[in-house]
C-alpha atoms as a PDB file:
ATOM      1  CA  MET A   1       0.000   0.000   0.000  1.00  0.00           C
ATOM      2  CA  LEU A   2       2.869   2.354   0.846  1.00  0.00           C
ATOM      3  CA  VAL A   3       4.577   1.453  -2.415  1.00  0.00           C
ATOM      4  CA  SER A   4       1.408   2.230  -4.313  1.00  0.00           C
ATOM      5  CA  GLU A   5       1.026   5.507  -2.469  1.00  0.00           C
ATOM      6  CA  ASN A   6       4.696   6.256  -3.057  1.00  0.00           C
ATOM      7  CA  GLU A   7       4.284   5.624  -6.821  1.00  0.00           C
ATOM      8  CA  PHE A   8       1.199   7.809  -6.850  1.00  0.00           C
ATOM      9  CA  LEU A   9       3.096  10.559  -5.027  1.00  0.00           C
ATOM     10  CA  GLN A  10       6.004  10.191  -7.476  1.00  0.00           C
ATOM     11  CA  LEU A  11       3.613  10.625 -10.408  1.00  0.00           C
ATOM     12  CA  GLN A  12       2.172  13.688  -8.724  1.00  0.00           C
ATOM     13  CA  LEU A  13       5.726  14.958  -8.123  1.00  0.00           C
ATOM     14  CA  GLU A  14       6.549  14.462 -11.821  1.00  0.00           C
ATOM     15  CA  ASP A  15       3.400  16.341 -12.779  1.00  0.00           C
ATOM     16  CA  ILE A  16       4.309  19.124 -10.363  1.00  0.00           C
ATOM     17  CA  ASN A  17       7.883  19.198 -11.738  1.00  0.00           C
ATOM     18  CA  ASN A  18       6.540  19.409 -15.299  1.00  0.00           C
ATOM     19  CA  GLU A  19       4.200  22.179 -14.221  1.00  0.00           C
ATOM     20  CA  LEU A  20       7.144  23.932 -12.511  1.00  0.00           C
ATOM     21  CA  LYS A  21       9.157  23.689 -15.741  1.00  0.00           C
ATOM     22  CA  LYS A  22       6.264  25.241 -17.649  1.00  0.00           C
ATOM     23  CA  LYS A  23       5.953  27.965 -15.036  1.00  0.00           C
ATOM     24  CA  ASP A  24       9.740  28.563 -15.189  1.00  0.00           C
ATOM     25  CA  GLU A  25       9.466  28.977 -18.964  1.00  0.00           C
ATOM     26  CA  GLU A  26       6.564  31.353 -18.493  1.00  0.00           C
ATOM     27  CA  ILE A  27       8.575  33.245 -15.869  1.00  0.00           C
ATOM     28  CA  ASP A  28      11.487  33.502 -18.320  1.00  0.00           C
ATOM     29  CA  ILE A  29       9.164  34.872 -20.991  1.00  0.00           C
ATOM     30  CA  LEU A  30       7.596  37.251 -18.489  1.00  0.00           C
ATOM     31  CA  ALA A  31      11.072  38.316 -17.336  1.00  0.00           C
ATOM     32  CA  GLU A  32      11.979  39.160 -20.923  1.00  0.00           C
ATOM     33  CA  ASP A  33       8.698  41.034 -21.288  1.00  0.00           C
ATOM     34  CA  LEU A  34       9.400  42.772 -17.972  1.00  0.00           C
ATOM     35  CA  GLU A  35      12.856  43.823 -19.182  1.00  0.00           C
ATOM     36  CA  THR A  36      11.337  45.177 -22.361  1.00  0.00           C
ATOM     37  CA  ALA A  37       8.596  46.890 -20.390  1.00  0.00           C
ATOM     38  CA  ALA A  38      11.174  48.319 -17.967  1.00  0.00           C
ATOM     39  CA  PHE A  39      13.216  49.651 -20.866  1.00  0.00           C
ATOM     40  CA  LEU A  40      10.118  51.144 -22.463  1.00  0.00           C
ATOM     41  CA  ARG A  41       8.958  52.501 -19.089  1.00  0.00           C
ATOM     42  CA  SER A  42      12.371  54.082 -18.556  1.00  0.00           C
ATOM     43  CA  LYS A  43      12.181  55.549 -22.040  1.00  0.00           C
ATOM     44  CA  ILE A  44       8.649  56.809 -21.373  1.00  0.00           C
ATOM     45  CA  ASP A  45       9.690  58.205 -17.993  1.00  0.00           C
ATOM     46  CA  SER A  46      12.624  60.009 -19.516  1.00  0.00           C
ATOM     47  CA  ASN A  47      10.336  61.265 -22.290  1.00  0.00           C
ATOM     48  CA  LEU A  48       7.783  62.365 -19.674  1.00  0.00           C
ATOM     49  CA  ILE A  49      10.467  64.143 -17.675  1.00  0.00           C
ATOM     50  CA  GLU A  50      11.654  65.794 -20.833  1.00  0.00           C
ATOM     51  CA  ILE A  51       8.063  66.799 -21.686  1.00  0.00           C
ATOM     52  CA  GLU A  52       7.570  68.212 -18.173  1.00  0.00           C
ATOM     53  CA  GLN A  53      10.750  70.243 -18.518  1.00  0.00           C
ATOM     54  CA  LEU A  54       9.590  71.489 -21.901  1.00  0.00           C
ATOM     55  CA  LYS A  55       6.246  72.475 -20.377  1.00  0.00           C
ATOM     56  CA  TYR A  56       7.998  74.413 -17.610  1.00  0.00           C
ATOM     57  CA  TYR A  57      10.270  76.205 -20.048  1.00  0.00           C
ATOM     58  CA  ASN A  58       7.285  76.781 -22.304  1.00  0.00           C
ATOM     59  CA  HIS A  59       5.341  78.401 -19.461  1.00  0.00           C
ATOM     60  CA  GLN A  60       8.274  80.651 -18.687  1.00  0.00           C
ATOM     61  CA  ALA A  61       8.740  81.474 -22.330  1.00  0.00           C
ATOM     62  CA  GLN A  62       5.019  82.222 -22.860  1.00  0.00           C
ATOM     63  CA  GLN A  63       5.353  85.174 -20.530  1.00  0.00           C
ATOM     64  CA  LYS A  64       8.324  86.459 -22.508  1.00  0.00           C
ATOM     65  CA  ASN A  65       7.600  85.320 -26.053  1.00  0.00           C
ATOM     66  CA  LEU A  66       4.479  83.832 -27.592  1.00  0.00           C
ATOM     67  CA  GLY A  67       6.475  82.769 -30.640  1.00  0.00           C
ATOM     68  CA  LEU A  68       8.067  79.842 -28.783  1.00  0.00           C
ATOM     69  CA  GLU A  69       4.624  78.318 -28.174  1.00  0.00           C
ATOM     70  CA  THR A  70       4.008  78.253 -31.887  1.00  0.00           C
ATOM     71  CA  LEU A  71       7.393  76.623 -32.383  1.00  0.00           C
ATOM     72  CA  ASN A  72       6.579  73.896 -29.829  1.00  0.00           C
ATOM     73  CA  GLU A  73       3.278  73.194 -31.533  1.00  0.00           C
ATOM     74  CA  GLU A  74       5.065  72.900 -34.849  1.00  0.00           C
ATOM     75  CA  LEU A  75       7.591  70.508 -33.289  1.00  0.00           C
ATOM     76  CA  GLU A  76       4.791  68.342 -31.888  1.00  0.00           C
ATOM     77  CA  VAL A  77       3.050  68.252 -35.259  1.00  0.00           C
ATOM     78  CA  ASP A  78       6.353  67.359 -36.896  1.00  0.00           C
ATOM     79  CA  LEU A  79       6.915  64.586 -34.342  1.00  0.00           C
ATOM     80  CA  LEU A  80       3.456  63.154 -35.025  1.00  0.00           C
ATOM     81  CA  GLN A  81       4.088  63.353 -38.751  1.00  0.00           C
ATOM     82  CA  GLN A  82       7.406  61.574 -38.287  1.00  0.00           C
ATOM     83  CA  MET A  83       5.707  58.859 -36.235  1.00  0.00           C
ATOM     84  CA  LYS A  84       3.024  58.458 -38.900  1.00  0.00           C
ATOM     85  CA  GLY A  85       5.754  58.410 -41.530  1.00  0.00           C
ATOM     86  CA  ARG A  86       7.614  55.699 -39.623  1.00  0.00           C
ATOM     87  CA  GLN A  87       4.436  53.679 -39.319  1.00  0.00           C
ATOM     88  CA  LYS A  88       3.870  54.014 -43.052  1.00  0.00           C
ATOM     89  CA  GLU A  89       7.500  53.005 -43.686  1.00  0.00           C
ATOM     90  CA  GLN A  90       7.107  49.957 -41.443  1.00  0.00           C
ATOM     91  CA  GLN A  91       3.897  49.020 -43.239  1.00  0.00           C
ATOM     92  CA  ALA A  92       5.624  49.476 -46.592  1.00  0.00           C
ATOM     93  CA  LEU A  93       8.508  47.265 -45.412  1.00  0.00           C
ATOM     94  CA  LYS A  94       6.039  44.579 -44.351  1.00  0.00           C
ATOM     95  CA  GLU A  95       4.342  44.800 -47.727  1.00  0.00           C
ATOM     96  CA  MET A  96       7.715  44.607 -49.486  1.00  0.00           C
ATOM     97  CA  ASP A  97       8.601  41.520 -47.461  1.00  0.00           C
ATOM     98  CA  SER A  98       5.275  40.004 -48.432  1.00  0.00           C
ATOM     99  CA  VAL A  99       5.922  40.848 -52.090  1.00  0.00           C
ATOM    100  CA  LYS A 100       9.426  39.368 -51.868  1.00  0.00           C
ATOM    101  CA  THR A 101       7.991  36.195 -50.388  1.00  0.00           C
ATOM    102  CA  ASN A 102       5.354  36.048 -53.120  1.00  0.00           C
ATOM    103  CA  ILE A 103       8.017  36.625 -55.785  1.00  0.00           C
ATOM    104  CA  LYS A 104      10.118  33.840 -54.302  1.00  0.00           C
ATOM    105  CA  VAL A 105       7.145  31.456 -54.304  1.00  0.00           C
ATOM    106  CA  ILE A 106       6.226  32.430 -57.868  1.00  0.00           C
ATOM    107  CA  THR A 107       9.847  32.019 -58.979  1.00  0.00           C
ATOM    108  CA  GLU A 108       9.956  28.548 -57.447  1.00  0.00           C
ATOM    109  CA  GLU A 109       6.673  27.681 -59.133  1.00  0.00           C
ATOM    110  CA  LEU A 110       7.992  28.996 -62.455  1.00  0.00           C
ATOM    111  CA  ASN A 111      11.161  26.944 -62.058  1.00  0.00           C
ATOM    112  CA  GLU A 112       9.050  23.869 -61.338  1.00  0.00           C
ATOM    113  CA  ALA A 113       6.827  24.675 -64.311  1.00  0.00           C
ATOM    114  CA  ALA A 114       9.888  25.103 -66.544  1.00  0.00           C
ATOM    115  CA  ALA A 115      11.202  21.724 -65.428  1.00  0.00           C
ATOM    116  CA  LEU A 116       7.804  20.143 -66.059  1.00  0.00           C
ATOM    117  CA  TYR A 117       7.604  21.844 -69.463  1.00  0.00           C
ATOM    118  CA  LYS A 118      11.038  20.482 -70.337  1.00  0.00           C
ATOM    119  CA  LYS A 119       9.913  16.991 -69.300  1.00  0.00           C
ATOM    120  CA  LEU A 120       6.750  17.466 -71.344  1.00  0.00           C
ATOM    121  CA  GLN A 121       8.802  18.460 -74.387  1.00  0.00           C
ATOM    122  CA  THR A 122      11.001  15.388 -73.921  1.00  0.00           C
ATOM    123  CA  LEU A 123       7.957  13.159 -73.559  1.00  0.00           C
ATOM    124  CA  LYS A 124       6.381  14.793 -76.604  1.00  0.00           C
ATOM    125  CA  GLU A 125       9.520  14.086 -78.634  1.00  0.00           C
ATOM    126  CA  LYS A 126       9.532  10.474 -77.416  1.00  0.00           C
ATOM    127  CA  LEU A 127       5.835  10.158 -78.263  1.00  0.00           C
ATOM    128  CA  VAL A 128       6.416  11.486 -81.778  1.00  0.00           C
ATOM    129  CA  GLU A 129       9.328   9.073 -82.157  1.00  0.00           C
ATOM    130  CA  ALA A 130       7.235   6.183 -80.819  1.00  0.00           C
ATOM    131  CA  ASN A 131       4.349   7.093 -83.135  1.00  0.00           C
ATOM    132  CA  SER A 132       6.762   7.206 -86.043  1.00  0.00           C
ATOM    133  CA  LYS A 133       8.189   3.801 -85.128  1.00  0.00           C
ATOM    134  CA  ALA A 134       4.688   2.403 -84.682  1.00  0.00           C
ATOM    135  CA  LEU A 135       3.662   3.729 -88.098  1.00  0.00           C
ATOM    136  CA  LEU A 136       6.771   2.217 -89.673  1.00  0.00           C
ATOM    137  CA  ALA A 137       6.097  -1.063 -87.890  1.00  0.00           C
ATOM    138  CA  GLU A 138       2.492  -0.986 -89.062  1.00  0.00           C
ATOM    139  CA  ILE A 139       3.594  -0.379 -92.662  1.00  0.00           C
ATOM    140  CA  GLU A 140       6.165  -3.145 -92.369  1.00  0.00           C
ATOM    141  CA  ASN A 141       3.514  -5.397 -90.828  1.00  0.00           C
ATOM    142  CA  GLU A 142       1.159  -4.685 -93.741  1.00  0.00           C
ATOM    143  CA  ASP A 143       3.977  -5.423 -96.199  1.00  0.00           C
ATOM    144  CA  LEU A 144       4.705  -8.696 -94.410  1.00  0.00           C
ATOM    145  CA  LYS A 145       1.001  -9.600 -94.463  1.00  0.00           C
ATOM    146  CA  LYS A 146       0.912  -8.936 -98.208  1.00  0.00           C
ATOM    147  CA  GLU A 147       4.065 -10.991 -98.677  1.00  0.00           C
ATOM    148  CA  VAL A 148       2.603 -13.843 -96.586  1.00  0.00           C
ATOM    149  CA  GLN A 149      -0.606 -13.632 -98.625  1.00  0.00           C
ATOM    150  CA  GLU A 150       1.411 -13.704-101.821  1.00  0.00           C
ATOM    151  CA  GLN A 151       3.399 -16.700-100.507  1.00  0.00           C
ATOM    152  CA  ARG A 152       0.156 -18.513 -99.650  1.00  0.00           C
ATOM    153  CA  GLU A 153      -1.259 -17.775-103.057  1.00  0.00           C
ATOM    154  CA  LEU A 154       1.970 -18.995-104.651  1.00  0.00           C
ATOM    155  CA  ILE A 155       1.812 -22.195-102.551  1.00  0.00           C
ATOM    156  CA  VAL A 156      -1.789 -22.743-103.611  1.00  0.00           C
ATOM    157  CA  LEU A 157      -0.808 -22.208-107.248  1.00  0.00           C
ATOM    158  CA  LEU A 158       2.125 -24.549-106.902  1.00  0.00           C
ATOM    159  CA  LYS A 159      -0.056 -27.204-105.276  1.00  0.00           C
ATOM    160  CA  ASN A 160      -2.584 -26.865-108.067  1.00  0.00           C
ATOM    161  CA  LYS A 161       0.152 -27.206-110.750  1.00  0.00           C
ATOM    162  CA  LYS A 162       1.647 -30.376-109.253  1.00  0.00           C
ATOM    163  CA  PRO A 163       0.457 -33.484-110.873  1.00  0.00           C
ATOM    164  CA  SER A 164      -1.331 -35.572-108.363  1.00  0.00           C
END
């Protein structure tokens, strides 16, 4: 009974170990995601700090010069345009990759088709040759049949001419 329980507990331990391995893998993936998130968070924080500093300087500058506000707005618009431009570039790159993949597939298919066409041409040539040989054999066969017929007729004539 203890052995049975021990085996059962060992199976449970194996299941738990397998589950732990899965969880360790998930933890590794989450750790990578956490590192990426931390990097992005740091980047965002530094960007936020930079934005806060720009706001402070902007407030100070508004009192002195309204022209700087216009400049900041233009910079923000430019930044958004650059981001949109980057997104469009990334989309275009994805589309180009897709086109490249399609071209590669089509090229492979064309190469396969060319090989099949070459085989077809070879088979066509062999078929023409075989048809030609068959026609020649048929003509020869007809000639032989005529010759056999002539030989039979000659034998019949010779048998009829022999005195009995």
